[in-house]
Amino acid sequence: MLRLEGVTKRFGDRVVLNRVSLEIGAGEYVAIIGDSGIGKSTLLNVIAGLEPVDSGAVVFEGKNLVGMDDDALTLLRRDHFGFVFQAFHVLPQLNVEQNVGLPLLLRKLDSSAKVKAAIAAVGLAGREQSPPRELSGGELQRVAIARALVGEPSLVLADEPTGNLDPENARQVLGLFRTLVKTKGAAAILATHSEHAAAGCDRRYRLTASGLTPT
């Protein structure tokens, strides 16, 4: 499904990604572990086509994202990728149902039944009309997970999704995330600094200045 071949990314004179290679199949749940600032978010942005690379290839379902134009990359992300962020990025002006349904709205798909099912799957049935200000951090991250998965993406990218949660909420959210991505059959990449968070993944890799190595 996803293959990175010798990907190198620089910011000025600094090499952030050093000839990174990785292959992920459908349904795999993979962790990228690394210290803060090492380049985990940059790697996810490269995979999503949000950051250009200096060399190498990023191949998703047979298509090399390197060299694709912005319109093609936007459509690829809209139709095939789901995103979960540390800061939730739940829109404050929209209620739970509207936030979760946004990816389907952008694709002009009938969303009502899928959105309600996605909300129920993350344990928030009955909170569809709640504004984000009424939700806890753990609940906001559940909304973000439902939004990432409602469109049944092929690949889900999660960037430190429990970094703003207390340990108990983090444990619950990670368990829920793993269960849902496995149920949906999506591939998922979890970027984290936490060995504990990565423990539930099928495979684990460590990102350092030297590159990416299995652990």
N, C-alpha and C. Protein backbone atom coordinates (compact mmCIF):
# COMPACT_ATOMS: atom_id res chain seq x y z
N MET A 1 0.82 -1.21 0.00
CA MET A 1 0.00 0.00 0.00
C MET A 1 0.86 1.27 0.00
N LEU A 2 1.82 1.32 0.92
CA LEU A 2 2.68 2.51 1.04
C LEU A 2 4.13 2.06 1.05
N ARG A 3 4.92 2.76 0.25
CA ARG A 3 6.35 2.45 0.18
C ARG A 3 7.15 3.75 0.10
N LEU A 4 8.10 3.90 1.00
CA LEU A 4 9.04 5.01 0.94
C LEU A 4 10.40 4.45 0.53
N GLU A 5 11.04 5.09 -0.41
CA GLU A 5 12.31 4.62 -0.93
C GLU A 5 13.36 5.72 -0.82
N GLY A 6 14.26 5.58 0.15
CA GLY A 6 15.38 6.51 0.29
C GLY A 6 14.98 7.97 0.39
N VAL A 7 13.94 8.25 1.16
CA VAL A 7 13.43 9.62 1.25
C VAL A 7 14.37 10.49 2.09
N THR A 8 14.80 11.59 1.52
CA THR A 8 15.62 12.57 2.21
C THR A 8 14.92 13.92 2.18
N LYS A 9 14.89 14.57 3.34
CA LYS A 9 14.26 15.89 3.46
C LYS A 9 15.17 16.80 4.26
N ARG A 10 15.46 17.98 3.70
CA ARG A 10 16.30 18.97 4.37
C ARG A 10 15.51 20.24 4.62
N PHE A 11 15.85 20.90 5.72
CA PHE A 11 15.43 22.27 5.96
C PHE A 11 16.71 23.09 6.06
N GLY A 12 17.04 23.80 5.01
CA GLY A 12 18.33 24.48 4.96
C GLY A 12 19.45 23.47 4.94
N ASP A 13 20.41 23.64 5.85
CA ASP A 13 21.54 22.71 5.92
C ASP A 13 21.25 21.49 6.79
N ARG A 14 20.10 21.49 7.44
CA ARG A 14 19.77 20.40 8.37
C ARG A 14 19.06 19.27 7.64
N VAL A 15 19.58 18.07 7.76
CA VAL A 15 18.94 16.88 7.20
C VAL A 15 17.97 16.35 8.24
N VAL A 16 16.67 16.42 7.96
CA VAL A 16 15.65 15.98 8.90
C VAL A 16 15.31 14.51 8.68
N LEU A 17 15.16 14.11 7.43
CA LEU A 17 14.93 12.70 7.09
C LEU A 17 16.10 12.24 6.24
N ASN A 18 16.77 11.19 6.71
CA ASN A 18 18.01 10.75 6.08
C ASN A 18 17.82 9.39 5.41
N ARG A 19 17.49 9.43 4.11
CA ARG A 19 17.32 8.20 3.32
C ARG A 19 16.40 7.20 4.01
N VAL A 20 15.21 7.67 4.34
CA VAL A 20 14.22 6.84 5.03
C VAL A 20 13.52 5.91 4.05
N SER A 21 13.48 4.63 4.39
CA SER A 21 12.75 3.63 3.61
C SER A 21 11.80 2.88 4.52
N LEU A 22 10.61 2.60 4.01
CA LEU A 22 9.57 1.96 4.82
C LEU A 22 8.53 1.37 3.89
N GLU A 23 7.99 0.22 4.27
CA GLU A 23 6.91 -0.39 3.49
C GLU A 23 5.81 -0.86 4.45
N ILE A 24 4.57 -0.47 4.15
CA ILE A 24 3.43 -0.81 5.00
C ILE A 24 2.33 -1.41 4.12
N GLY A 25 1.79 -2.53 4.57
CA GLY A 25 0.71 -3.17 3.84
C GLY A 25 -0.65 -2.81 4.40
N ALA A 26 -1.69 -3.14 3.66
CA ALA A 26 -3.06 -2.87 4.10
C ALA A 26 -3.32 -3.54 5.44
N GLY A 27 -3.93 -2.81 6.37
CA GLY A 27 -4.30 -3.36 7.66
C GLY A 27 -3.21 -3.34 8.72
N GLU A 28 -2.00 -2.91 8.37
CA GLU A 28 -0.92 -2.87 9.35
C GLU A 28 -0.98 -1.61 10.19
N TYR A 29 -0.61 -1.75 11.45
CA TYR A 29 -0.57 -0.65 12.41
C TYR A 29 0.87 -0.49 12.86
N VAL A 30 1.51 0.59 12.43
CA VAL A 30 2.95 0.77 12.58
C VAL A 30 3.25 2.01 13.41
N ALA A 31 4.22 1.89 14.31
CA ALA A 31 4.64 3.03 15.13
C ALA A 31 5.96 3.59 14.63
N ILE A 32 6.04 4.91 14.59
CA ILE A 32 7.30 5.62 14.36
C ILE A 32 7.64 6.32 15.68
N ILE A 33 8.69 5.84 16.34
CA ILE A 33 9.09 6.36 17.64
C ILE A 33 10.28 7.28 17.48
N GLY A 34 10.28 8.38 18.23
CA GLY A 34 11.42 9.28 18.17
C GLY A 34 11.25 10.43 19.13
N ASP A 35 12.38 11.05 19.49
CA ASP A 35 12.34 12.19 20.39
C ASP A 35 11.64 13.37 19.75
N SER A 36 11.18 14.30 20.57
CA SER A 36 10.55 15.51 20.06
C SER A 36 11.56 16.27 19.19
N GLY A 37 11.07 16.74 18.04
CA GLY A 37 11.91 17.51 17.13
C GLY A 37 12.77 16.70 16.19
N ILE A 38 12.68 15.37 16.24
CA ILE A 38 13.54 14.53 15.41
C ILE A 38 13.05 14.45 13.97
N GLY A 39 11.74 14.75 13.73
CA GLY A 39 11.24 14.72 12.36
C GLY A 39 10.04 13.83 12.13
N LYS A 40 9.40 13.37 13.21
CA LYS A 40 8.25 12.47 13.05
C LYS A 40 7.11 13.16 12.30
N SER A 41 6.79 14.39 12.68
CA SER A 41 5.71 15.11 12.01
C SER A 41 6.07 15.38 10.55
N THR A 42 7.34 15.70 10.32
CA THR A 42 7.79 15.92 8.94
C THR A 42 7.61 14.66 8.11
N LEU A 43 7.92 13.51 8.70
CA LEU A 43 7.75 12.24 7.98
C LEU A 43 6.29 12.02 7.61
N LEU A 44 5.38 12.27 8.55
CA LEU A 44 3.96 12.12 8.23
C LEU A 44 3.53 13.10 7.16
N ASN A 45 4.04 14.32 7.22
CA ASN A 45 3.69 15.33 6.20
C ASN A 45 4.21 14.93 4.83
N VAL A 46 5.37 14.31 4.79
CA VAL A 46 5.91 13.81 3.52
C VAL A 46 5.04 12.69 2.97
N ILE A 47 4.62 11.77 3.85
CA ILE A 47 3.76 10.67 3.42
C ILE A 47 2.45 11.19 2.86
N ALA A 48 1.93 12.26 3.45
CA ALA A 48 0.66 12.84 3.02
C ALA A 48 0.80 13.79 1.84
N GLY A 49 2.03 14.00 1.38
CA GLY A 49 2.22 14.92 0.26
C GLY A 49 2.12 16.38 0.64
N LEU A 50 2.25 16.68 1.94
CA LEU A 50 2.18 18.06 2.42
C LEU A 50 3.55 18.73 2.41
N GLU A 51 4.61 17.93 2.38
CA GLU A 51 5.97 18.44 2.32
C GLU A 51 6.68 17.80 1.14
N PRO A 52 7.35 18.59 0.30
CA PRO A 52 8.14 18.00 -0.79
C PRO A 52 9.40 17.35 -0.24
N VAL A 53 9.94 16.40 -0.96
CA VAL A 53 11.19 15.75 -0.55
C VAL A 53 12.32 16.23 -1.44
N ASP A 54 13.53 16.08 -0.92
CA ASP A 54 14.71 16.45 -1.72
C ASP A 54 15.15 15.31 -2.62
N SER A 55 14.90 14.08 -2.17
CA SER A 55 15.20 12.91 -3.01
C SER A 55 14.41 11.72 -2.49
N GLY A 56 14.28 10.70 -3.33
CA GLY A 56 13.55 9.51 -2.94
C GLY A 56 12.15 9.48 -3.52
N ALA A 57 11.40 8.45 -3.16
CA ALA A 57 10.05 8.24 -3.68
C ALA A 57 9.10 7.93 -2.54
N VAL A 58 7.86 8.41 -2.68
CA VAL A 58 6.77 8.10 -1.76
C VAL A 58 5.65 7.51 -2.61
N VAL A 59 5.48 6.21 -2.55
CA VAL A 59 4.55 5.50 -3.44
C VAL A 59 3.36 5.02 -2.63
N PHE A 60 2.17 5.49 -3.00
CA PHE A 60 0.94 5.08 -2.32
C PHE A 60 0.01 4.44 -3.34
N GLU A 61 -0.30 3.17 -3.10
CA GLU A 61 -1.16 2.39 -4.00
C GLU A 61 -0.71 2.53 -5.45
N GLY A 62 0.59 2.41 -5.65
CA GLY A 62 1.17 2.40 -6.98
C GLY A 62 1.45 3.76 -7.59
N LYS A 63 1.10 4.83 -6.88
CA LYS A 63 1.32 6.18 -7.40
C LYS A 63 2.40 6.89 -6.61
N ASN A 64 3.37 7.45 -7.32
CA ASN A 64 4.45 8.19 -6.67
C ASN A 64 3.97 9.62 -6.42
N LEU A 65 3.89 9.98 -5.13
CA LEU A 65 3.42 11.31 -4.77
C LEU A 65 4.42 12.39 -5.16
N VAL A 66 5.69 12.02 -5.27
CA VAL A 66 6.71 12.99 -5.64
C VAL A 66 6.46 13.43 -7.08
N GLY A 67 6.25 14.71 -7.26
CA GLY A 67 5.98 15.25 -8.60
C GLY A 67 4.52 15.43 -8.93
N MET A 68 3.62 14.88 -8.09
CA MET A 68 2.19 15.10 -8.32
C MET A 68 1.85 16.56 -8.04
N ASP A 69 0.89 17.11 -8.78
CA ASP A 69 0.52 18.51 -8.56
C ASP A 69 -0.38 18.65 -7.33
N ASP A 70 -0.58 19.89 -6.88
CA ASP A 70 -1.31 20.14 -5.64
C ASP A 70 -2.75 19.64 -5.70
N ASP A 71 -3.40 19.81 -6.84
CA ASP A 71 -4.79 19.37 -6.96
C ASP A 71 -4.91 17.86 -6.80
N ALA A 72 -4.00 17.13 -7.43
CA ALA A 72 -4.03 15.66 -7.33
C ALA A 72 -3.74 15.21 -5.91
N LEU A 73 -2.80 15.87 -5.24
CA LEU A 73 -2.49 15.52 -3.86
C LEU A 73 -3.65 15.82 -2.92
N THR A 74 -4.34 16.93 -3.16
CA THR A 74 -5.50 17.29 -2.33
C THR A 74 -6.59 16.24 -2.46
N LEU A 75 -6.85 15.80 -3.66
CA LEU A 75 -7.87 14.76 -3.87
C LEU A 75 -7.45 13.44 -3.25
N LEU A 76 -6.17 13.11 -3.34
CA LEU A 76 -5.67 11.88 -2.76
C LEU A 76 -5.88 11.88 -1.24
N ARG A 77 -5.52 13.00 -0.60
CA ARG A 77 -5.72 13.11 0.85
C ARG A 77 -7.20 13.05 1.21
N ARG A 78 -8.01 13.73 0.45
CA ARG A 78 -9.45 13.77 0.75
C ARG A 78 -10.09 12.40 0.66
N ASP A 79 -9.70 11.62 -0.33
CA ASP A 79 -10.38 10.36 -0.61
C ASP A 79 -9.76 9.15 0.07
N HIS A 80 -8.50 9.23 0.47
CA HIS A 80 -7.80 8.03 0.93
C HIS A 80 -7.13 8.13 2.29
N PHE A 81 -6.94 9.34 2.82
CA PHE A 81 -6.20 9.51 4.06
C PHE A 81 -7.12 10.00 5.18
N GLY A 82 -6.80 9.58 6.41
CA GLY A 82 -7.43 10.13 7.61
C GLY A 82 -6.33 10.65 8.52
N PHE A 83 -6.63 11.70 9.28
CA PHE A 83 -5.62 12.35 10.11
C PHE A 83 -6.12 12.51 11.54
N VAL A 84 -5.26 12.19 12.51
CA VAL A 84 -5.53 12.45 13.92
C VAL A 84 -4.33 13.21 14.48
N PHE A 85 -4.62 14.37 15.11
CA PHE A 85 -3.55 15.25 15.56
C PHE A 85 -3.51 15.35 17.08
N GLN A 86 -2.34 15.72 17.61
CA GLN A 86 -2.19 15.92 19.05
C GLN A 86 -3.13 17.01 19.56
N ALA A 87 -3.28 18.08 18.77
CA ALA A 87 -4.09 19.23 19.21
C ALA A 87 -5.56 19.10 18.81
N PHE A 88 -5.97 17.91 18.42
CA PHE A 88 -7.36 17.57 18.09
C PHE A 88 -7.82 18.22 16.79
N HIS A 89 -7.68 19.56 16.67
CA HIS A 89 -8.16 20.31 15.50
C HIS A 89 -9.65 20.09 15.25
N VAL A 90 -10.41 19.98 16.33
CA VAL A 90 -11.87 19.95 16.23
C VAL A 90 -12.33 21.40 16.08
N LEU A 91 -13.18 21.67 15.10
CA LEU A 91 -13.58 23.05 14.80
C LEU A 91 -14.57 23.53 15.86
N PRO A 92 -14.27 24.63 16.55
CA PRO A 92 -15.10 25.06 17.69
C PRO A 92 -16.49 25.54 17.29
N GLN A 93 -16.66 25.98 16.05
CA GLN A 93 -17.95 26.51 15.62
C GLN A 93 -18.92 25.42 15.17
N LEU A 94 -18.43 24.17 15.10
CA LEU A 94 -19.26 23.05 14.67
C LEU A 94 -19.51 22.11 15.84
N ASN A 95 -20.70 21.48 15.86
CA ASN A 95 -20.96 20.49 16.91
C ASN A 95 -20.29 19.16 16.56
N VAL A 96 -20.45 18.17 17.42
CA VAL A 96 -19.80 16.88 17.23
C VAL A 96 -20.18 16.26 15.88
N GLU A 97 -21.47 16.23 15.60
CA GLU A 97 -21.93 15.61 14.35
C GLU A 97 -21.37 16.32 13.14
N GLN A 98 -21.32 17.64 13.17
CA GLN A 98 -20.81 18.41 12.04
C GLN A 98 -19.31 18.21 11.87
N ASN A 99 -18.57 18.15 12.98
CA ASN A 99 -17.13 17.90 12.89
C ASN A 99 -16.83 16.54 12.28
N VAL A 100 -17.51 15.52 12.78
CA VAL A 100 -17.26 14.17 12.28
C VAL A 100 -17.68 14.03 10.82
N GLY A 101 -18.74 14.70 10.43
CA GLY A 101 -19.24 14.58 9.07
C GLY A 101 -18.51 15.40 8.04
N LEU A 102 -17.58 16.25 8.47
CA LEU A 102 -16.91 17.16 7.53
C LEU A 102 -16.21 16.45 6.38
N PRO A 103 -15.45 15.36 6.61
CA PRO A 103 -14.79 14.70 5.47
C PRO A 103 -15.78 14.20 4.41
N LEU A 104 -16.95 13.72 4.85
CA LEU A 104 -17.95 13.24 3.90
C LEU A 104 -18.61 14.42 3.18
N LEU A 105 -18.82 15.51 3.90
CA LEU A 105 -19.39 16.71 3.27
C LEU A 105 -18.48 17.21 2.15
N LEU A 106 -17.18 17.20 2.39
CA LEU A 106 -16.23 17.66 1.38
C LEU A 106 -16.25 16.76 0.15
N ARG A 107 -16.60 15.50 0.34
CA ARG A 107 -16.69 14.57 -0.78
C ARG A 107 -18.11 14.50 -1.36
N LYS A 108 -19.01 15.31 -0.81
CA LYS A 108 -20.40 15.39 -1.27
C LYS A 108 -21.09 14.03 -1.17
N LEU A 109 -20.83 13.34 -0.04
CA LEU A 109 -21.44 12.04 0.20
C LEU A 109 -22.53 12.16 1.25
N ASP A 110 -23.55 11.32 1.14
CA ASP A 110 -24.59 11.27 2.16
C ASP A 110 -23.96 10.80 3.46
N SER A 111 -24.07 11.60 4.51
CA SER A 111 -23.26 11.35 5.69
C SER A 111 -24.02 10.90 6.93
N SER A 112 -25.31 11.08 6.99
CA SER A 112 -26.03 10.97 8.26
C SER A 112 -25.81 9.63 8.97
N ALA A 113 -26.09 8.53 8.30
CA ALA A 113 -25.98 7.22 8.94
C ALA A 113 -24.55 6.89 9.32
N LYS A 114 -23.59 7.17 8.43
CA LYS A 114 -22.19 6.88 8.71
C LYS A 114 -21.67 7.72 9.88
N VAL A 115 -22.09 8.97 9.91
CA VAL A 115 -21.62 9.85 10.98
C VAL A 115 -22.13 9.37 12.33
N LYS A 116 -23.40 9.03 12.41
CA LYS A 116 -23.97 8.55 13.67
C LYS A 116 -23.28 7.25 14.11
N ALA A 117 -23.00 6.38 13.16
CA ALA A 117 -22.33 5.12 13.49
C ALA A 117 -20.91 5.38 13.98
N ALA A 118 -20.21 6.33 13.36
CA ALA A 118 -18.84 6.65 13.76
C ALA A 118 -18.81 7.26 15.16
N ILE A 119 -19.78 8.12 15.45
CA ILE A 119 -19.87 8.74 16.78
C ILE A 119 -20.16 7.68 17.84
N ALA A 120 -21.07 6.77 17.53
CA ALA A 120 -21.38 5.68 18.47
C ALA A 120 -20.16 4.79 18.69
N ALA A 121 -19.39 4.55 17.63
CA ALA A 121 -18.23 3.67 17.73
C ALA A 121 -17.17 4.20 18.68
N VAL A 122 -17.10 5.53 18.85
CA VAL A 122 -16.11 6.10 19.76
C VAL A 122 -16.73 6.42 21.13
N GLY A 123 -17.95 5.92 21.36
CA GLY A 123 -18.57 6.04 22.67
C GLY A 123 -19.21 7.38 22.97
N LEU A 124 -19.62 8.12 21.92
CA LEU A 124 -20.20 9.44 22.13
C LEU A 124 -21.65 9.53 21.63
N ALA A 125 -22.32 8.40 21.53
CA ALA A 125 -23.73 8.43 21.13
C ALA A 125 -24.51 9.31 22.11
N GLY A 126 -25.36 10.15 21.57
CA GLY A 126 -26.11 11.09 22.39
C GLY A 126 -25.46 12.44 22.53
N ARG A 127 -24.21 12.56 22.07
CA ARG A 127 -23.49 13.84 22.15
C ARG A 127 -23.38 14.52 20.80
N GLU A 128 -24.16 14.09 19.83
CA GLU A 128 -24.03 14.59 18.47
C GLU A 128 -24.15 16.11 18.37
N GLN A 129 -25.02 16.70 19.18
CA GLN A 129 -25.26 18.15 19.08
C GLN A 129 -24.39 18.97 20.03
N SER A 130 -23.53 18.32 20.77
CA SER A 130 -22.70 19.03 21.75
C SER A 130 -21.63 19.86 21.05
N PRO A 131 -21.42 21.11 21.49
CA PRO A 131 -20.31 21.90 20.98
C PRO A 131 -19.01 21.44 21.61
N PRO A 132 -17.88 21.62 20.94
CA PRO A 132 -16.60 21.16 21.49
C PRO A 132 -16.28 21.70 22.87
N ARG A 133 -16.74 22.90 23.20
CA ARG A 133 -16.41 23.48 24.51
C ARG A 133 -16.99 22.67 25.68
N GLU A 134 -17.96 21.80 25.40
CA GLU A 134 -18.57 20.99 26.44
C GLU A 134 -17.91 19.62 26.58
N LEU A 135 -16.86 19.37 25.80
CA LEU A 135 -16.22 18.05 25.80
C LEU A 135 -14.88 18.10 26.52
N SER A 136 -14.52 16.98 27.15
CA SER A 136 -13.20 16.84 27.76
C SER A 136 -12.15 16.59 26.68
N GLY A 137 -10.87 16.62 27.09
CA GLY A 137 -9.81 16.34 26.13
C GLY A 137 -9.93 14.95 25.52
N GLY A 138 -10.24 13.96 26.34
CA GLY A 138 -10.41 12.61 25.83
C GLY A 138 -11.56 12.50 24.86
N GLU A 139 -12.65 13.22 25.14
CA GLU A 139 -13.80 13.21 24.24
C GLU A 139 -13.48 13.92 22.92
N LEU A 140 -12.73 15.01 23.00
CA LEU A 140 -12.33 15.72 21.78
C LEU A 140 -11.47 14.82 20.89
N GLN A 141 -10.59 14.05 21.50
CA GLN A 141 -9.76 13.16 20.69
C GLN A 141 -10.60 12.03 20.10
N ARG A 142 -11.63 11.60 20.79
CA ARG A 142 -12.55 10.61 20.23
C ARG A 142 -13.29 11.17 19.01
N VAL A 143 -13.67 12.44 19.08
CA VAL A 143 -14.28 13.10 17.93
C VAL A 143 -13.30 13.11 16.76
N ALA A 144 -12.05 13.43 17.05
CA ALA A 144 -11.03 13.47 15.99
C ALA A 144 -10.82 12.09 15.36
N ILE A 145 -10.86 11.05 16.18
CA ILE A 145 -10.72 9.69 15.65
C ILE A 145 -11.91 9.32 14.77
N ALA A 146 -13.12 9.64 15.23
CA ALA A 146 -14.31 9.37 14.44
C ALA A 146 -14.25 10.10 13.10
N ARG A 147 -13.80 11.35 13.13
CA ARG A 147 -13.69 12.14 11.89
C ARG A 147 -12.66 11.53 10.95
N ALA A 148 -11.54 11.03 11.51
CA ALA A 148 -10.50 10.44 10.67
C ALA A 148 -10.95 9.16 9.99
N LEU A 149 -11.86 8.41 10.64
CA LEU A 149 -12.23 7.09 10.14
C LEU A 149 -13.58 7.04 9.43
N VAL A 150 -14.37 8.11 9.54
CA VAL A 150 -15.73 8.06 9.01
C VAL A 150 -15.76 7.83 7.50
N GLY A 151 -14.77 8.33 6.80
CA GLY A 151 -14.73 8.16 5.34
C GLY A 151 -14.09 6.87 4.88
N GLU A 152 -13.79 5.96 5.82
CA GLU A 152 -13.16 4.67 5.54
C GLU A 152 -11.88 4.84 4.70
N PRO A 153 -10.91 5.60 5.24
CA PRO A 153 -9.67 5.83 4.50
C PRO A 153 -8.82 4.57 4.42
N SER A 154 -7.94 4.55 3.43
CA SER A 154 -7.00 3.44 3.30
C SER A 154 -5.86 3.56 4.29
N LEU A 155 -5.49 4.81 4.64
CA LEU A 155 -4.34 5.06 5.50
C LEU A 155 -4.69 6.15 6.50
N VAL A 156 -4.41 5.89 7.78
CA VAL A 156 -4.63 6.87 8.84
C VAL A 156 -3.28 7.27 9.42
N LEU A 157 -3.05 8.58 9.52
CA LEU A 157 -1.82 9.12 10.07
C LEU A 157 -2.15 9.80 11.39
N ALA A 158 -1.53 9.33 12.47
CA ALA A 158 -1.80 9.86 13.81
C ALA A 158 -0.52 10.45 14.39
N ASP A 159 -0.53 11.76 14.63
CA ASP A 159 0.65 12.48 15.08
C ASP A 159 0.53 12.80 16.57
N GLU A 160 1.22 12.01 17.41
CA GLU A 160 1.18 12.19 18.87
C GLU A 160 -0.26 12.37 19.37
N PRO A 161 -1.16 11.46 19.04
CA PRO A 161 -2.59 11.70 19.32
C PRO A 161 -2.95 11.72 20.80
N THR A 162 -2.05 11.26 21.67
CA THR A 162 -2.37 11.28 23.10
C THR A 162 -1.47 12.23 23.88
N GLY A 163 -0.75 13.09 23.17
CA GLY A 163 0.20 13.98 23.82
C GLY A 163 -0.43 14.98 24.76
N ASN A 164 -1.71 15.32 24.54
CA ASN A 164 -2.40 16.29 25.39
C ASN A 164 -3.37 15.63 26.37
N LEU A 165 -3.24 14.31 26.55
CA LEU A 165 -4.18 13.59 27.41
C LEU A 165 -3.50 13.06 28.66
N ASP A 166 -4.28 12.91 29.73
CA ASP A 166 -3.75 12.28 30.93
C ASP A 166 -3.58 10.79 30.67
N PRO A 167 -2.79 10.09 31.50
CA PRO A 167 -2.48 8.69 31.22
C PRO A 167 -3.69 7.78 31.03
N GLU A 168 -4.74 7.94 31.81
CA GLU A 168 -5.90 7.07 31.68
C GLU A 168 -6.63 7.34 30.37
N ASN A 169 -6.84 8.62 30.04
CA ASN A 169 -7.48 8.94 28.77
C ASN A 169 -6.62 8.48 27.60
N ALA A 170 -5.30 8.63 27.74
CA ALA A 170 -4.38 8.19 26.69
C ALA A 170 -4.53 6.69 26.45
N ARG A 171 -4.58 5.92 27.53
CA ARG A 171 -4.72 4.47 27.40
C ARG A 171 -6.02 4.12 26.69
N GLN A 172 -7.11 4.76 27.08
CA GLN A 172 -8.41 4.47 26.47
C GLN A 172 -8.43 4.86 24.99
N VAL A 173 -7.88 6.02 24.68
CA VAL A 173 -7.89 6.50 23.29
C VAL A 173 -7.03 5.61 22.40
N LEU A 174 -5.87 5.20 22.89
CA LEU A 174 -5.01 4.32 22.09
C LEU A 174 -5.66 2.97 21.84
N GLY A 175 -6.31 2.43 22.86
CA GLY A 175 -7.01 1.17 22.68
C GLY A 175 -8.15 1.29 21.68
N LEU A 176 -8.90 2.37 21.78
CA LEU A 176 -10.00 2.62 20.86
C LEU A 176 -9.49 2.79 19.44
N PHE A 177 -8.41 3.55 19.29
CA PHE A 177 -7.85 3.80 17.97
C PHE A 177 -7.41 2.49 17.31
N ARG A 178 -6.69 1.67 18.05
CA ARG A 178 -6.24 0.39 17.50
C ARG A 178 -7.43 -0.48 17.09
N THR A 179 -8.43 -0.58 17.96
CA THR A 179 -9.59 -1.40 17.67
C THR A 179 -10.30 -0.94 16.40
N LEU A 180 -10.48 0.37 16.28
CA LEU A 180 -11.23 0.89 15.14
C LEU A 180 -10.47 0.76 13.83
N VAL A 181 -9.15 1.05 13.83
CA VAL A 181 -8.42 0.92 12.57
C VAL A 181 -8.36 -0.53 12.13
N LYS A 182 -8.24 -1.45 13.10
CA LYS A 182 -8.23 -2.86 12.75
C LYS A 182 -9.60 -3.31 12.23
N THR A 183 -10.66 -2.82 12.85
CA THR A 183 -12.02 -3.16 12.41
C THR A 183 -12.27 -2.66 11.00
N LYS A 184 -11.78 -1.46 10.70
CA LYS A 184 -12.00 -0.86 9.38
C LYS A 184 -11.06 -1.43 8.32
N GLY A 185 -10.01 -2.13 8.75
CA GLY A 185 -9.06 -2.68 7.79
C GLY A 185 -8.12 -1.65 7.21
N ALA A 186 -8.01 -0.48 7.87
CA ALA A 186 -7.12 0.57 7.39
C ALA A 186 -5.70 0.30 7.85
N ALA A 187 -4.73 0.78 7.09
CA ALA A 187 -3.36 0.85 7.58
C ALA A 187 -3.26 2.12 8.42
N ALA A 188 -2.40 2.10 9.44
CA ALA A 188 -2.25 3.26 10.30
C ALA A 188 -0.80 3.43 10.71
N ILE A 189 -0.38 4.70 10.79
CA ILE A 189 0.95 5.04 11.28
C ILE A 189 0.79 5.94 12.49
N LEU A 190 1.35 5.52 13.61
CA LEU A 190 1.32 6.28 14.84
C LEU A 190 2.70 6.87 15.07
N ALA A 191 2.80 8.19 15.06
CA ALA A 191 4.05 8.87 15.39
C ALA A 191 4.00 9.26 16.86
N THR A 192 4.99 8.84 17.63
CA THR A 192 4.95 9.07 19.07
C THR A 192 6.36 9.08 19.65
N HIS A 193 6.53 9.75 20.79
CA HIS A 193 7.78 9.67 21.53
C HIS A 193 7.71 8.59 22.60
N SER A 194 6.52 7.98 22.76
CA SER A 194 6.26 7.08 23.88
C SER A 194 6.36 5.61 23.48
N GLU A 195 7.26 4.89 24.14
CA GLU A 195 7.35 3.44 23.93
C GLU A 195 6.05 2.76 24.36
N HIS A 196 5.44 3.28 25.41
CA HIS A 196 4.19 2.71 25.90
C HIS A 196 3.10 2.83 24.84
N ALA A 197 2.99 4.00 24.22
CA ALA A 197 1.97 4.20 23.18
C ALA A 197 2.20 3.27 21.99
N ALA A 198 3.47 3.01 21.69
CA ALA A 198 3.81 2.18 20.53
C ALA A 198 3.64 0.69 20.80
N ALA A 199 3.45 0.31 22.05
CA ALA A 199 3.44 -1.11 22.41
C ALA A 199 2.33 -1.89 21.72
N GLY A 200 1.22 -1.24 21.40
CA GLY A 200 0.10 -1.94 20.78
C GLY A 200 0.18 -2.05 19.28
N CYS A 201 1.26 -1.59 18.69
CA CYS A 201 1.39 -1.60 17.23
C CYS A 201 1.95 -2.94 16.73
N ASP A 202 1.69 -3.23 15.47
CA ASP A 202 2.18 -4.48 14.88
C ASP A 202 3.68 -4.45 14.67
N ARG A 203 4.20 -3.29 14.27
CA ARG A 203 5.64 -3.10 14.07
C ARG A 203 6.03 -1.73 14.59
N ARG A 204 7.30 -1.62 15.00
CA ARG A 204 7.80 -0.37 15.55
C ARG A 204 9.13 -0.01 14.89
N TYR A 205 9.28 1.27 14.59
CA TYR A 205 10.51 1.79 14.01
C TYR A 205 10.95 3.00 14.81
N ARG A 206 12.27 3.19 14.90
CA ARG A 206 12.80 4.36 15.59
C ARG A 206 13.42 5.31 14.56
N LEU A 207 13.00 6.58 14.64
CA LEU A 207 13.53 7.61 13.76
C LEU A 207 14.63 8.36 14.49
N THR A 208 15.81 8.41 13.90
CA THR A 208 16.94 9.16 14.44
C THR A 208 17.54 9.97 13.30
N ALA A 209 18.57 10.73 13.63
CA ALA A 209 19.25 11.52 12.61
C ALA A 209 19.89 10.65 11.53
N SER A 210 20.13 9.39 11.88
CA SER A 210 20.75 8.46 10.92
C SER A 210 19.74 7.82 9.98
N GLY A 211 18.46 7.87 10.33
CA GLY A 211 17.45 7.25 9.50
C GLY A 211 16.39 6.54 10.30
N LEU A 212 15.77 5.55 9.70
CA LEU A 212 14.67 4.81 10.32
C LEU A 212 15.07 3.35 10.46
N THR A 213 14.99 2.82 11.68
CA THR A 213 15.39 1.44 11.91
C THR A 213 14.32 0.71 12.71
N PRO A 214 14.10 -0.59 12.43
CA PRO A 214 13.14 -1.36 13.20
C PRO A 214 13.63 -1.59 14.61
N THR A 215 12.68 -1.70 15.57
CA THR A 215 13.05 -1.95 16.97
C THR A 215 12.42 -3.26 17.44
